[in-house]
Amino acid sequence: MRKRLDVYHSQTKPLVAFYCSLAESSEDCATRYARVAGVGSVEEIRDKVFEALGGSGGEGVSG
């Protein structure tokens, strides 16, 4: 668990900050950032991701 947290803090957290900053400064809104909680079933999380991306949920999406 400690290794996983170390990797998060050294690799993932800086990317989150980078993309947040990029999304805030993007004039054409081409870059977006959304935080999605990974709590729930795979289908519920998938639907949250699609909703954050502006989609209608997971209807008709396979895989």
Protein backbone atom coordinates (compact mmCIF):
# COMPACT_ATOMS: atom_id res chain seq x y z
CA MET A 1 0.00 0.00 0.00
CA ARG A 2 2.83 2.39 0.83
CA LYS A 3 4.39 1.83 -2.62
CA ARG A 4 1.05 2.55 -4.28
CA LEU A 5 0.72 5.84 -2.38
CA ASP A 6 4.32 6.76 -3.21
CA VAL A 7 3.61 6.21 -6.92
CA TYR A 8 0.41 8.27 -6.67
CA HIS A 9 2.19 11.20 -5.04
CA SER A 10 5.19 11.10 -7.37
CA GLN A 11 3.48 10.35 -10.70
CA THR A 12 -0.30 10.73 -10.65
CA LYS A 13 -0.81 13.79 -8.46
CA PRO A 14 1.46 16.01 -10.62
CA LEU A 15 -0.52 14.97 -13.72
CA VAL A 16 -3.81 15.86 -12.04
CA ALA A 17 -2.43 19.31 -11.20
CA PHE A 18 -1.09 19.73 -14.75
CA TYR A 19 -4.39 18.85 -16.44
CA CYS A 20 -6.42 20.92 -13.95
CA SER A 21 -4.26 23.91 -14.73
CA LEU A 22 -4.42 23.26 -18.47
CA ALA A 23 -8.22 22.99 -18.38
CA GLU A 24 -8.52 26.25 -16.43
CA SER A 25 -6.32 28.12 -18.90
CA SER A 26 -7.79 26.59 -22.06
CA GLU A 27 -9.54 29.38 -23.97
CA ASP A 28 -11.33 27.07 -26.38
CA CYS A 29 -12.37 24.58 -23.69
CA ALA A 30 -10.70 21.81 -25.67
CA THR A 31 -9.06 20.49 -22.52
CA ARG A 32 -11.37 19.33 -19.77
CA TYR A 33 -10.74 17.82 -16.38
CA ALA A 34 -13.29 16.13 -14.17
CA ARG A 35 -12.83 14.23 -10.92
CA VAL A 36 -14.88 11.04 -10.79
CA ALA A 37 -15.17 9.00 -7.60
CA GLY A 38 -14.31 5.36 -8.23
CA VAL A 39 -16.95 4.12 -5.80
CA GLY A 40 -19.71 1.80 -6.96
CA SER A 41 -20.13 -0.87 -9.56
CA VAL A 42 -18.18 -0.79 -12.81
CA GLU A 43 -21.35 0.28 -14.60
CA GLU A 44 -22.04 3.12 -12.12
CA ILE A 45 -18.49 4.43 -12.44
CA ARG A 46 -18.65 4.14 -16.24
CA ASP A 47 -21.86 6.17 -16.24
CA LYS A 48 -20.25 8.82 -14.02
CA VAL A 49 -17.33 9.07 -16.46
CA PHE A 50 -19.64 9.43 -19.46
CA GLU A 51 -21.69 12.04 -17.60
CA ALA A 52 -18.52 13.99 -16.77
CA LEU A 53 -17.56 13.87 -20.45
CA GLY A 54 -20.95 15.23 -21.42
CA GLY A 55 -22.37 11.95 -22.64
CA SER A 56 -25.70 10.34 -21.91
CA GLY A 57 -24.38 7.55 -19.74
CA GLY A 58 -23.32 4.15 -20.93
CA GLU A 59 -26.31 3.18 -23.02
CA GLY A 60 -25.26 1.35 -26.14
CA VAL A 61 -21.62 1.22 -25.13
CA SER A 62 -20.04 -2.21 -24.99
CA GLY A 63 -16.74 -3.43 -23.66
